[in-house]
Structures are given as structure tokens and as C-alpha cells.
Amino acid sequence: MIAARSLRLFFAVSLAASLCPNAWASAWALDPSATRIEFSVRNLSVARVDGTFRLASGHVTLDAEDPSRSAIEAVIDAASVDTSEPKRDAHLRSADFLDVARYPTIAFRSTRIERADGGHWRVTGDLTLLGRTRSVLLAVDSSRSEGNRSSAHATTTIDRRDFGMTYAGFAVGKQVVITIDAVGMHAAADASLE
């Protein structure tokens, strides 16, 4: 369940890479207060548990001439997990799930950014959760730009077991759906990730 939440945050960061078709050859800082990372997982095979994570920091560098040189990095505060149920949130922070005492952050770093059909993007990257790094694919499908701010929407689904999150067996779904609504602010020209 926690892995899915973390992935959503990372997908949001990846979405920022496609913030705006006109944003290429630029640097963007992701806005932690405006970026929303949501997750959803089945509970007891009938209900869904939905929650959010808070972005700690994130940067996007876009290169119009060579998209392979573009990069996205994001860090999520694992302890920020929020399902609107304090007891469940405390359990999610425990060693049974996120183990925030040992792994306080969830990190994402893009490895490939490519255009897809219809103005969509595919962002592949390494997601590190509970000390395990796995490749994930984000589908980025909408972007909007106004002034020095841009936004993008991304989705992905992860298997929490891939990150060693096996607590609760069949009671908690294996697949975690992550949705990211990322907001970026145009950064100074020298704010690249390199």
C-alpha cells in the first residue's frame, strides 16, 4: 500500500517533465505545496483505501534538442502518508509497511523520457522505496502552462511486493494505483540537475 503511494509521488515528478510542450530547454522546480501525490489500493478485496504523500523536493530539466538529456528527480517524505485515519497512518509508517524510521524518504530519478502519441509522454525511472530500487513507467497525459507555472498529470501502477512490502498477505491488495498532479515553477537557467 505504501509502495503505491510512494510511486504516485514519483509519477507526479515524472509528469512534471512533460509540463508543457513549450517548456523544453528549461529548468523547473516542483512545488511541494501544489503537487498532489495520491494512491489507491484494495483492502479486504472489497473496499479501496485512498491516501496521499507530500513531495519534499523535485526538479525537472528539459532539453528540447535532445530529450535523452532531460532529467527528473523527486524526493517524497515517507512519513507524510495520509489516509485520513490516524491509526492506519501510524501503522503505515511502521516497519510493517513504510518503515519511516529506517527509510524516511522515497526517491525517483528518471532514466528515460520519451514522447508518445497525441502529446503524451512516457517517463521511465528508478524508484527507491524501503531501500529497494525498481524501474517504473509513468504515463504522462496532460499538461498546462500559465506564466512561469506548469502542471502535468501522470499515472502508474506498482506491485508493493516488488519493494518488499508483504505485510497483510491477501488482506491488502498487491497493486497500488498512483496518480500525480505535478506543478512546477520555472527555475533559473543555471538550475539544471547536472
N, C-alpha and C. Protein backbone atom coordinates (compact mmCIF):
# COMPACT_ATOMS: atom_id res chain seq x y z
N MET A 1 0.84 -1.18 0.00
CA MET A 1 0.00 0.00 0.00
C MET A 1 0.88 1.24 0.00
N ILE A 2 1.91 1.23 0.78
CA ILE A 2 2.80 2.36 0.88
C ILE A 2 3.62 2.51 -0.38
N ALA A 3 4.03 1.41 -0.95
CA ALA A 3 4.82 1.47 -2.17
C ALA A 3 4.03 2.18 -3.26
N ALA A 4 2.77 1.91 -3.34
CA ALA A 4 1.94 2.55 -4.34
C ALA A 4 1.86 4.04 -4.09
N ARG A 5 1.75 4.42 -2.85
CA ARG A 5 1.68 5.84 -2.53
C ARG A 5 2.96 6.53 -2.94
N SER A 6 4.06 5.91 -2.64
CA SER A 6 5.35 6.49 -2.99
C SER A 6 5.49 6.59 -4.49
N LEU A 7 5.04 5.59 -5.18
CA LEU A 7 5.14 5.61 -6.62
C LEU A 7 4.33 6.74 -7.20
N ARG A 8 3.21 7.01 -6.62
CA ARG A 8 2.39 8.11 -7.12
C ARG A 8 3.14 9.41 -7.06
N LEU A 9 3.83 9.60 -5.98
CA LEU A 9 4.59 10.82 -5.85
C LEU A 9 5.65 10.88 -6.91
N PHE A 10 6.31 9.79 -7.16
CA PHE A 10 7.36 9.77 -8.15
C PHE A 10 6.78 9.97 -9.54
N PHE A 11 5.59 9.48 -9.73
CA PHE A 11 4.96 9.67 -11.04
C PHE A 11 4.61 11.12 -11.22
N ALA A 12 4.25 11.77 -10.18
CA ALA A 12 3.94 13.19 -10.28
C ALA A 12 5.16 13.94 -10.73
N VAL A 13 6.28 13.60 -10.21
CA VAL A 13 7.52 14.24 -10.60
C VAL A 13 7.79 13.98 -12.07
N SER A 14 7.54 12.77 -12.49
CA SER A 14 7.77 12.44 -13.88
C SER A 14 6.81 13.22 -14.78
N LEU A 15 5.63 13.44 -14.31
CA LEU A 15 4.66 14.20 -15.08
C LEU A 15 5.17 15.60 -15.31
N ALA A 16 5.87 16.13 -14.35
CA ALA A 16 6.38 17.48 -14.47
C ALA A 16 7.33 17.60 -15.65
N ALA A 17 7.93 16.50 -16.04
CA ALA A 17 8.85 16.53 -17.17
C ALA A 17 8.11 16.92 -18.44
N SER A 18 6.83 16.64 -18.48
CA SER A 18 6.06 16.99 -19.67
C SER A 18 5.13 18.15 -19.36
N LEU A 19 5.54 18.99 -18.47
CA LEU A 19 4.71 20.09 -18.02
C LEU A 19 4.10 20.89 -19.17
N CYS A 20 4.89 21.11 -20.16
CA CYS A 20 4.40 21.96 -21.24
C CYS A 20 5.24 21.72 -22.48
N PRO A 21 4.63 21.54 -23.62
CA PRO A 21 5.39 21.31 -24.84
C PRO A 21 6.35 22.46 -25.14
N ASN A 22 6.04 23.67 -24.71
CA ASN A 22 6.89 24.82 -24.96
C ASN A 22 7.94 25.01 -23.87
N ALA A 23 8.00 24.09 -22.92
CA ALA A 23 8.90 24.25 -21.78
C ALA A 23 10.26 23.64 -22.00
N TRP A 24 10.48 23.04 -23.16
CA TRP A 24 11.75 22.37 -23.42
C TRP A 24 12.90 23.36 -23.33
N ALA A 25 14.08 22.85 -22.99
CA ALA A 25 15.29 23.63 -22.81
C ALA A 25 15.12 24.56 -21.63
N SER A 26 14.58 24.02 -20.55
CA SER A 26 14.33 24.83 -19.37
C SER A 26 14.44 23.98 -18.11
N ALA A 27 14.50 24.68 -16.99
CA ALA A 27 14.57 24.01 -15.69
C ALA A 27 13.34 24.40 -14.87
N TRP A 28 12.83 23.42 -14.14
CA TRP A 28 11.62 23.63 -13.33
C TRP A 28 11.84 23.06 -11.94
N ALA A 29 11.34 23.78 -10.94
CA ALA A 29 11.35 23.28 -9.57
C ALA A 29 9.91 22.86 -9.27
N LEU A 30 9.74 21.63 -8.79
CA LEU A 30 8.39 21.17 -8.45
C LEU A 30 7.95 21.85 -7.16
N ASP A 31 6.72 22.28 -7.13
CA ASP A 31 6.15 22.99 -5.98
C ASP A 31 5.54 22.00 -5.01
N PRO A 32 6.19 21.76 -3.85
CA PRO A 32 5.67 20.78 -2.88
C PRO A 32 4.27 21.11 -2.36
N SER A 33 3.93 22.39 -2.27
CA SER A 33 2.62 22.75 -1.73
C SER A 33 1.50 22.57 -2.75
N ALA A 34 1.83 22.56 -4.04
CA ALA A 34 0.80 22.44 -5.07
C ALA A 34 0.76 21.07 -5.74
N THR A 35 1.86 20.30 -5.64
CA THR A 35 1.91 18.97 -6.25
C THR A 35 1.14 17.99 -5.38
N ARG A 36 0.29 17.20 -5.99
CA ARG A 36 -0.53 16.23 -5.25
C ARG A 36 -0.19 14.83 -5.70
N ILE A 37 0.17 13.97 -4.72
CA ILE A 37 0.50 12.58 -5.00
C ILE A 37 -0.52 11.71 -4.27
N GLU A 38 -1.28 10.94 -5.03
CA GLU A 38 -2.34 10.12 -4.46
C GLU A 38 -2.10 8.65 -4.78
N PHE A 39 -2.61 7.79 -3.91
CA PHE A 39 -2.53 6.35 -4.16
C PHE A 39 -3.85 5.70 -3.79
N SER A 40 -4.08 4.52 -4.34
CA SER A 40 -5.29 3.77 -4.05
C SER A 40 -4.95 2.29 -4.09
N VAL A 41 -5.42 1.54 -3.08
CA VAL A 41 -5.16 0.11 -3.01
C VAL A 41 -6.39 -0.58 -2.43
N ARG A 42 -6.64 -1.79 -2.88
CA ARG A 42 -7.78 -2.56 -2.35
C ARG A 42 -7.48 -3.03 -0.93
N ASN A 43 -8.53 -3.05 -0.12
CA ASN A 43 -8.43 -3.52 1.26
C ASN A 43 -9.51 -4.57 1.46
N LEU A 44 -9.12 -5.76 1.89
CA LEU A 44 -10.04 -6.87 2.10
C LEU A 44 -10.82 -7.21 0.83
N SER A 45 -10.22 -6.94 -0.32
CA SER A 45 -10.77 -7.27 -1.65
C SER A 45 -12.09 -6.62 -1.99
N VAL A 46 -12.60 -5.73 -1.15
CA VAL A 46 -13.88 -5.09 -1.48
C VAL A 46 -13.80 -3.57 -1.47
N ALA A 47 -13.13 -3.01 -0.51
CA ALA A 47 -13.06 -1.55 -0.40
C ALA A 47 -11.71 -1.06 -0.92
N ARG A 48 -11.65 0.21 -1.17
CA ARG A 48 -10.39 0.83 -1.57
C ARG A 48 -9.96 1.77 -0.46
N VAL A 49 -8.65 1.80 -0.22
CA VAL A 49 -8.08 2.77 0.70
C VAL A 49 -7.31 3.77 -0.17
N ASP A 50 -7.66 5.04 -0.02
CA ASP A 50 -7.01 6.10 -0.77
C ASP A 50 -6.19 6.96 0.18
N GLY A 51 -5.11 7.52 -0.31
CA GLY A 51 -4.28 8.37 0.53
C GLY A 51 -3.38 9.25 -0.30
N THR A 52 -2.57 10.04 0.40
CA THR A 52 -1.66 10.97 -0.25
C THR A 52 -0.29 10.92 0.40
N PHE A 53 0.70 11.46 -0.32
CA PHE A 53 2.06 11.70 0.18
C PHE A 53 2.39 13.16 -0.14
N ARG A 54 3.36 13.69 0.60
CA ARG A 54 3.81 15.06 0.38
C ARG A 54 5.18 15.04 -0.32
N LEU A 55 5.30 15.83 -1.35
CA LEU A 55 6.57 15.99 -2.05
C LEU A 55 7.49 16.83 -1.17
N ALA A 56 8.73 16.35 -0.96
CA ALA A 56 9.72 17.12 -0.22
C ALA A 56 10.46 18.07 -1.16
N SER A 57 10.88 17.55 -2.31
CA SER A 57 11.57 18.38 -3.29
C SER A 57 11.55 17.69 -4.64
N GLY A 58 11.74 18.46 -5.69
CA GLY A 58 11.79 17.88 -7.02
C GLY A 58 12.25 18.90 -8.04
N HIS A 59 12.94 18.41 -9.07
CA HIS A 59 13.46 19.26 -10.13
C HIS A 59 13.27 18.57 -11.47
N VAL A 60 13.02 19.36 -12.49
CA VAL A 60 12.87 18.85 -13.84
C VAL A 60 13.74 19.71 -14.75
N THR A 61 14.57 19.05 -15.56
CA THR A 61 15.35 19.75 -16.57
C THR A 61 14.96 19.18 -17.92
N LEU A 62 14.54 20.04 -18.82
CA LEU A 62 14.07 19.61 -20.14
C LEU A 62 15.03 20.13 -21.21
N ASP A 63 15.36 19.26 -22.16
CA ASP A 63 16.24 19.63 -23.27
C ASP A 63 15.49 19.38 -24.57
N ALA A 64 15.12 20.45 -25.27
CA ALA A 64 14.31 20.36 -26.48
C ALA A 64 15.04 19.66 -27.61
N GLU A 65 16.32 19.90 -27.74
CA GLU A 65 17.06 19.33 -28.85
C GLU A 65 17.40 17.87 -28.65
N ASP A 66 17.55 17.47 -27.40
CA ASP A 66 17.92 16.09 -27.11
C ASP A 66 17.17 15.62 -25.85
N PRO A 67 15.92 15.14 -26.01
CA PRO A 67 15.13 14.72 -24.84
C PRO A 67 15.83 13.69 -23.97
N SER A 68 16.80 12.95 -24.53
CA SER A 68 17.51 11.96 -23.71
C SER A 68 18.36 12.63 -22.64
N ARG A 69 18.62 13.93 -22.79
CA ARG A 69 19.38 14.67 -21.78
C ARG A 69 18.47 15.30 -20.73
N SER A 70 17.18 15.13 -20.86
CA SER A 70 16.24 15.66 -19.87
C SER A 70 16.28 14.79 -18.62
N ALA A 71 15.93 15.37 -17.50
CA ALA A 71 16.00 14.62 -16.24
C ALA A 71 14.93 15.08 -15.26
N ILE A 72 14.50 14.13 -14.43
CA ILE A 72 13.53 14.42 -13.37
C ILE A 72 14.02 13.75 -12.10
N GLU A 73 14.01 14.50 -11.02
CA GLU A 73 14.33 13.95 -9.71
C GLU A 73 13.27 14.41 -8.73
N ALA A 74 12.89 13.51 -7.81
CA ALA A 74 11.91 13.89 -6.80
C ALA A 74 12.18 13.10 -5.52
N VAL A 75 11.90 13.76 -4.41
CA VAL A 75 12.03 13.13 -3.10
C VAL A 75 10.70 13.32 -2.38
N ILE A 76 10.20 12.23 -1.80
CA ILE A 76 8.92 12.24 -1.09
C ILE A 76 9.17 11.96 0.39
N ASP A 77 8.45 12.67 1.22
CA ASP A 77 8.52 12.46 2.67
C ASP A 77 7.64 11.25 3.00
N ALA A 78 8.27 10.10 3.29
CA ALA A 78 7.51 8.86 3.55
C ALA A 78 6.58 9.00 4.74
N ALA A 79 6.99 9.76 5.76
CA ALA A 79 6.17 9.93 6.96
C ALA A 79 4.92 10.77 6.71
N SER A 80 4.83 11.41 5.56
CA SER A 80 3.68 12.26 5.26
C SER A 80 2.46 11.47 4.81
N VAL A 81 2.56 10.14 4.73
CA VAL A 81 1.43 9.33 4.28
C VAL A 81 0.18 9.69 5.07
N ASP A 82 -0.92 9.90 4.35
CA ASP A 82 -2.16 10.35 4.99
C ASP A 82 -3.35 9.69 4.31
N THR A 83 -4.08 8.87 5.08
CA THR A 83 -5.30 8.23 4.59
C THR A 83 -6.54 8.74 5.32
N SER A 84 -6.37 9.81 6.08
CA SER A 84 -7.44 10.41 6.89
C SER A 84 -7.89 9.50 8.03
N GLU A 85 -7.05 8.55 8.41
CA GLU A 85 -7.33 7.65 9.54
C GLU A 85 -6.03 7.54 10.34
N PRO A 86 -5.91 8.29 11.44
CA PRO A 86 -4.65 8.36 12.20
C PRO A 86 -4.06 7.00 12.62
N LYS A 87 -4.89 6.06 13.05
CA LYS A 87 -4.36 4.75 13.46
C LYS A 87 -3.77 3.99 12.27
N ARG A 88 -4.47 4.02 11.15
CA ARG A 88 -3.97 3.36 9.95
C ARG A 88 -2.68 4.04 9.48
N ASP A 89 -2.66 5.37 9.50
CA ASP A 89 -1.46 6.10 9.07
C ASP A 89 -0.26 5.74 9.94
N ALA A 90 -0.46 5.62 11.24
CA ALA A 90 0.63 5.23 12.14
C ALA A 90 1.11 3.83 11.78
N HIS A 91 0.20 2.91 11.45
CA HIS A 91 0.59 1.56 11.07
C HIS A 91 1.35 1.58 9.74
N LEU A 92 0.92 2.40 8.80
CA LEU A 92 1.60 2.51 7.52
C LEU A 92 3.03 3.03 7.68
N ARG A 93 3.27 3.86 8.70
CA ARG A 93 4.61 4.39 8.95
C ARG A 93 5.51 3.37 9.65
N SER A 94 4.93 2.32 10.19
CA SER A 94 5.69 1.32 10.95
C SER A 94 6.50 0.40 10.04
N ALA A 95 7.30 -0.46 10.64
CA ALA A 95 8.14 -1.42 9.90
C ALA A 95 7.30 -2.41 9.09
N ASP A 96 6.01 -2.55 9.39
CA ASP A 96 5.14 -3.44 8.60
C ASP A 96 4.97 -2.94 7.16
N PHE A 97 5.07 -1.63 6.98
CA PHE A 97 4.85 -1.05 5.65
C PHE A 97 6.02 -0.14 5.24
N LEU A 98 5.96 1.16 5.54
CA LEU A 98 6.96 2.12 5.06
C LEU A 98 8.24 2.18 5.88
N ASP A 99 8.20 1.77 7.11
CA ASP A 99 9.39 1.78 7.98
C ASP A 99 10.11 3.12 7.91
N VAL A 100 9.37 4.20 8.21
CA VAL A 100 9.92 5.55 8.06
C VAL A 100 11.08 5.83 9.01
N ALA A 101 11.20 5.08 10.08
CA ALA A 101 12.35 5.29 10.98
C ALA A 101 13.65 4.93 10.26
N ARG A 102 13.62 3.91 9.42
CA ARG A 102 14.82 3.49 8.67
C ARG A 102 14.89 4.11 7.28
N TYR A 103 13.74 4.37 6.67
CA TYR A 103 13.67 4.88 5.30
C TYR A 103 12.76 6.10 5.25
N PRO A 104 13.26 7.27 5.66
CA PRO A 104 12.41 8.46 5.77
C PRO A 104 11.98 9.07 4.43
N THR A 105 12.64 8.68 3.34
CA THR A 105 12.27 9.27 2.05
C THR A 105 12.07 8.20 0.99
N ILE A 106 11.36 8.58 -0.02
CA ILE A 106 11.15 7.78 -1.22
C ILE A 106 11.72 8.63 -2.36
N ALA A 107 12.52 8.04 -3.21
CA ALA A 107 13.18 8.84 -4.25
C ALA A 107 12.88 8.31 -5.65
N PHE A 108 12.85 9.23 -6.59
CA PHE A 108 12.66 8.89 -8.00
C PHE A 108 13.67 9.66 -8.83
N ARG A 109 14.27 8.97 -9.79
CA ARG A 109 15.20 9.60 -10.75
C ARG A 109 14.90 9.01 -12.12
N SER A 110 14.59 9.88 -13.06
CA SER A 110 14.26 9.40 -14.41
C SER A 110 15.49 8.80 -15.08
N THR A 111 15.23 7.80 -15.94
CA THR A 111 16.29 7.20 -16.74
C THR A 111 16.01 7.37 -18.23
N ARG A 112 14.75 7.68 -18.56
CA ARG A 112 14.39 7.88 -19.97
C ARG A 112 13.08 8.66 -20.04
N ILE A 113 13.06 9.65 -20.91
CA ILE A 113 11.85 10.45 -21.14
C ILE A 113 11.62 10.45 -22.64
N GLU A 114 10.43 10.03 -23.06
CA GLU A 114 10.15 9.97 -24.50
C GLU A 114 8.72 10.39 -24.80
N ARG A 115 8.55 10.97 -25.97
CA ARG A 115 7.23 11.38 -26.41
C ARG A 115 6.44 10.15 -26.84
N ALA A 116 5.16 10.18 -26.58
CA ALA A 116 4.25 9.12 -27.02
C ALA A 116 3.24 9.77 -27.97
N ASP A 117 2.25 9.05 -28.39
CA ASP A 117 1.25 9.57 -29.31
C ASP A 117 0.39 10.65 -28.65
N GLY A 118 -0.10 11.57 -29.46
CA GLY A 118 -1.08 12.55 -29.01
C GLY A 118 -0.61 13.50 -27.94
N GLY A 119 0.67 13.84 -27.91
CA GLY A 119 1.16 14.78 -26.92
C GLY A 119 1.39 14.18 -25.55
N HIS A 120 1.31 12.88 -25.46
CA HIS A 120 1.56 12.19 -24.19
C HIS A 120 3.05 11.88 -24.08
N TRP A 121 3.45 11.49 -22.86
CA TRP A 121 4.85 11.17 -22.60
C TRP A 121 4.94 9.86 -21.84
N ARG A 122 6.08 9.20 -21.98
CA ARG A 122 6.43 8.03 -21.16
C ARG A 122 7.70 8.38 -20.42
N VAL A 123 7.64 8.27 -19.09
CA VAL A 123 8.81 8.56 -18.27
C VAL A 123 9.17 7.28 -17.53
N THR A 124 10.35 6.77 -17.82
CA THR A 124 10.87 5.59 -17.12
C THR A 124 11.88 6.09 -16.11
N GLY A 125 11.88 5.47 -14.93
CA GLY A 125 12.83 5.91 -13.92
C GLY A 125 13.00 4.91 -12.82
N ASP A 126 13.97 5.18 -11.95
CA ASP A 126 14.25 4.33 -10.79
C ASP A 126 13.55 4.88 -9.58
N LEU A 127 12.73 4.04 -8.97
CA LEU A 127 12.02 4.40 -7.75
C LEU A 127 12.67 3.63 -6.61
N THR A 128 13.08 4.35 -5.58
CA THR A 128 13.69 3.72 -4.41
C THR A 128 12.75 3.86 -3.23
N LEU A 129 12.31 2.71 -2.73
CA LEU A 129 11.37 2.62 -1.63
C LEU A 129 11.82 1.47 -0.73
N LEU A 130 11.88 1.72 0.55
CA LEU A 130 12.34 0.72 1.52
C LEU A 130 13.73 0.18 1.15
N GLY A 131 14.57 1.05 0.61
CA GLY A 131 15.93 0.66 0.26
C GLY A 131 16.06 -0.18 -0.98
N ARG A 132 14.96 -0.43 -1.68
CA ARG A 132 14.97 -1.22 -2.92
C ARG A 132 14.68 -0.31 -4.10
N THR A 133 15.45 -0.47 -5.15
CA THR A 133 15.26 0.36 -6.34
C THR A 133 14.72 -0.51 -7.46
N ARG A 134 13.62 -0.04 -8.05
CA ARG A 134 12.97 -0.75 -9.15
C ARG A 134 12.64 0.24 -10.24
N SER A 135 12.63 -0.24 -11.47
CA SER A 135 12.26 0.60 -12.60
C SER A 135 10.74 0.71 -12.66
N VAL A 136 10.24 1.91 -12.90
CA VAL A 136 8.80 2.15 -13.04
C VAL A 136 8.55 2.97 -14.30
N LEU A 137 7.36 2.86 -14.85
CA LEU A 137 6.97 3.61 -16.04
C LEU A 137 5.78 4.49 -15.71
N LEU A 138 5.91 5.78 -15.97
CA LEU A 138 4.84 6.73 -15.74
C LEU A 138 4.22 7.13 -17.08
N ALA A 139 2.90 7.14 -17.13
CA ALA A 139 2.18 7.63 -18.31
C ALA A 139 1.76 9.06 -18.01
N VAL A 140 2.29 9.99 -18.75
CA VAL A 140 2.01 11.41 -18.54
C VAL A 140 1.09 11.85 -19.67
N ASP A 141 -0.09 12.38 -19.30
CA ASP A 141 -1.04 12.63 -20.37
C ASP A 141 -1.61 14.02 -20.50
N SER A 142 -1.42 14.89 -19.57
CA SER A 142 -1.96 16.23 -19.80
C SER A 142 -1.04 17.26 -19.19
N SER A 143 -0.95 18.39 -19.85
CA SER A 143 -0.11 19.46 -19.32
C SER A 143 -0.74 20.80 -19.65
N ARG A 144 -0.37 21.77 -18.82
CA ARG A 144 -0.91 23.11 -19.00
C ARG A 144 0.13 24.09 -18.48
N SER A 145 0.25 25.22 -19.12
CA SER A 145 1.23 26.22 -18.71
C SER A 145 0.60 27.59 -18.66
N GLU A 146 0.91 28.32 -17.60
CA GLU A 146 0.44 29.69 -17.44
C GLU A 146 1.56 30.49 -16.81
N GLY A 147 2.09 31.46 -17.52
CA GLY A 147 3.17 32.27 -16.98
C GLY A 147 4.38 31.42 -16.67
N ASN A 148 4.85 31.50 -15.43
CA ASN A 148 6.03 30.73 -15.04
C ASN A 148 5.67 29.42 -14.33
N ARG A 149 4.41 29.01 -14.41
CA ARG A 149 3.97 27.76 -13.77
C ARG A 149 3.41 26.81 -14.82
N SER A 150 3.69 25.52 -14.62
CA SER A 150 3.15 24.49 -15.49
C SER A 150 2.67 23.33 -14.64
N SER A 151 1.77 22.54 -15.20
CA SER A 151 1.27 21.38 -14.46
C SER A 151 1.15 20.20 -15.42
N ALA A 152 1.16 19.01 -14.84
CA ALA A 152 1.03 17.78 -15.64
C ALA A 152 0.38 16.70 -14.79
N HIS A 153 -0.23 15.73 -15.46
CA HIS A 153 -0.93 14.63 -14.79
C HIS A 153 -0.28 13.31 -15.22
N ALA A 154 0.04 12.46 -14.22
CA ALA A 154 0.68 11.18 -14.54
C ALA A 154 0.06 10.07 -13.71
N THR A 155 0.14 8.84 -14.24
CA THR A 155 -0.38 7.68 -13.53
C THR A 155 0.55 6.49 -13.71
N THR A 156 0.46 5.58 -12.76
CA THR A 156 1.19 4.32 -12.85
C THR A 156 0.58 3.34 -11.86
N THR A 157 0.94 2.09 -12.00
CA THR A 157 0.53 1.06 -11.05
C THR A 157 1.77 0.28 -10.70
N ILE A 158 1.96 0.06 -9.39
CA ILE A 158 3.10 -0.73 -8.95
C ILE A 158 2.61 -1.93 -8.14
N ASP A 159 3.48 -2.90 -7.97
CA ASP A 159 3.21 -4.05 -7.12
C ASP A 159 4.02 -3.84 -5.84
N ARG A 160 3.35 -3.66 -4.72
CA ARG A 160 4.04 -3.35 -3.46
C ARG A 160 5.05 -4.42 -3.07
N ARG A 161 4.83 -5.65 -3.50
CA ARG A 161 5.75 -6.74 -3.17
C ARG A 161 7.12 -6.55 -3.82
N ASP A 162 7.16 -5.83 -4.95
CA ASP A 162 8.44 -5.56 -5.61
C ASP A 162 9.39 -4.77 -4.72
N PHE A 163 8.86 -4.10 -3.72
CA PHE A 163 9.66 -3.30 -2.81
C PHE A 163 9.76 -3.94 -1.42
N GLY A 164 9.38 -5.22 -1.34
CA GLY A 164 9.48 -5.94 -0.09
C GLY A 164 8.35 -5.68 0.89
N MET A 165 7.27 -5.09 0.43
CA MET A 165 6.13 -4.79 1.28
C MET A 165 5.13 -5.94 1.17
N THR A 166 5.25 -6.89 2.08
CA THR A 166 4.43 -8.10 2.00
C THR A 166 3.48 -8.27 3.17
N TYR A 167 3.49 -7.38 4.12
CA TYR A 167 2.62 -7.48 5.28
C TYR A 167 1.15 -7.54 4.86
N ALA A 168 0.36 -8.29 5.56
CA ALA A 168 -1.09 -8.40 5.42
C ALA A 168 -1.54 -9.35 4.31
N GLY A 169 -0.61 -10.01 3.66
CA GLY A 169 -0.99 -11.02 2.67
C GLY A 169 -2.07 -10.56 1.73
N PHE A 170 -3.15 -11.37 1.62
CA PHE A 170 -4.23 -11.07 0.68
C PHE A 170 -5.16 -9.98 1.19
N ALA A 171 -5.08 -9.62 2.46
CA ALA A 171 -5.99 -8.61 3.03
C ALA A 171 -5.78 -7.23 2.40
N VAL A 172 -4.56 -6.97 1.98
CA VAL A 172 -4.25 -5.70 1.32
C VAL A 172 -3.83 -6.01 -0.11
N GLY A 173 -4.42 -5.32 -1.04
CA GLY A 173 -4.12 -5.55 -2.46
C GLY A 173 -2.64 -5.42 -2.79
N LYS A 174 -2.22 -6.13 -3.79
CA LYS A 174 -0.83 -6.09 -4.23
C LYS A 174 -0.57 -4.90 -5.15
N GLN A 175 -1.55 -4.55 -5.96
CA GLN A 175 -1.41 -3.48 -6.93
C GLN A 175 -1.80 -2.13 -6.32
N VAL A 176 -0.92 -1.17 -6.47
CA VAL A 176 -1.17 0.17 -5.95
C VAL A 176 -1.22 1.13 -7.15
N VAL A 177 -2.33 1.82 -7.27
CA VAL A 177 -2.51 2.79 -8.35
C VAL A 177 -2.04 4.15 -7.84
N ILE A 178 -1.17 4.79 -8.59
CA ILE A 178 -0.61 6.08 -8.20
C ILE A 178 -0.99 7.13 -9.23
N THR A 179 -1.44 8.27 -8.73
CA THR A 179 -1.82 9.39 -9.58
C THR A 179 -1.07 10.63 -9.10
N ILE A 180 -0.48 11.34 -10.04
CA ILE A 180 0.31 12.52 -9.67
C ILE A 180 -0.18 13.72 -10.47
N ASP A 181 -0.45 14.78 -9.73
CA ASP A 181 -0.75 16.06 -10.36
C ASP A 181 0.37 16.99 -9.93
N ALA A 182 1.35 17.17 -10.84
CA ALA A 182 2.56 17.92 -10.53
C ALA A 182 2.43 19.36 -11.00
N VAL A 183 2.98 20.26 -10.18
CA VAL A 183 3.03 21.68 -10.52
C VAL A 183 4.49 22.12 -10.42
N GLY A 184 4.98 22.72 -11.48
CA GLY A 184 6.36 23.19 -11.49
C GLY A 184 6.44 24.69 -11.73
N MET A 185 7.50 25.28 -11.18
CA MET A 185 7.75 26.71 -11.35
C MET A 185 9.05 26.85 -12.13
N HIS A 186 9.05 27.71 -13.13
CA HIS A 186 10.23 27.90 -13.95
C HIS A 186 11.38 28.35 -13.05
N ALA A 187 12.51 27.67 -13.16
CA ALA A 187 13.69 27.97 -12.35
C ALA A 187 14.70 28.74 -13.17
N ALA A 188 15.72 29.24 -12.50
CA ALA A 188 16.79 29.98 -13.17
C ALA A 188 17.45 29.08 -14.20
N ALA A 189 18.00 29.65 -15.23
CA ALA A 189 18.61 28.89 -16.32
C ALA A 189 19.73 27.99 -15.85
N ASP A 190 20.42 28.32 -14.77
CA ASP A 190 21.53 27.51 -14.29
C ASP A 190 21.11 26.49 -13.26
N ALA A 191 19.81 26.22 -13.14
CA ALA A 191 19.30 25.31 -12.11
C ALA A 191 19.17 23.89 -12.62
N SER A 192 20.02 23.48 -13.54
CA SER A 192 19.91 22.13 -14.10
C SER A 192 20.27 21.08 -13.05
N LEU A 193 19.94 19.83 -13.35
CA LEU A 193 20.19 18.74 -12.42
C LEU A 193 21.61 18.21 -12.52
N GLU A 194 22.37 18.64 -13.51
CA GLU A 194 23.71 18.08 -13.70
C GLU A 194 24.68 18.67 -12.72
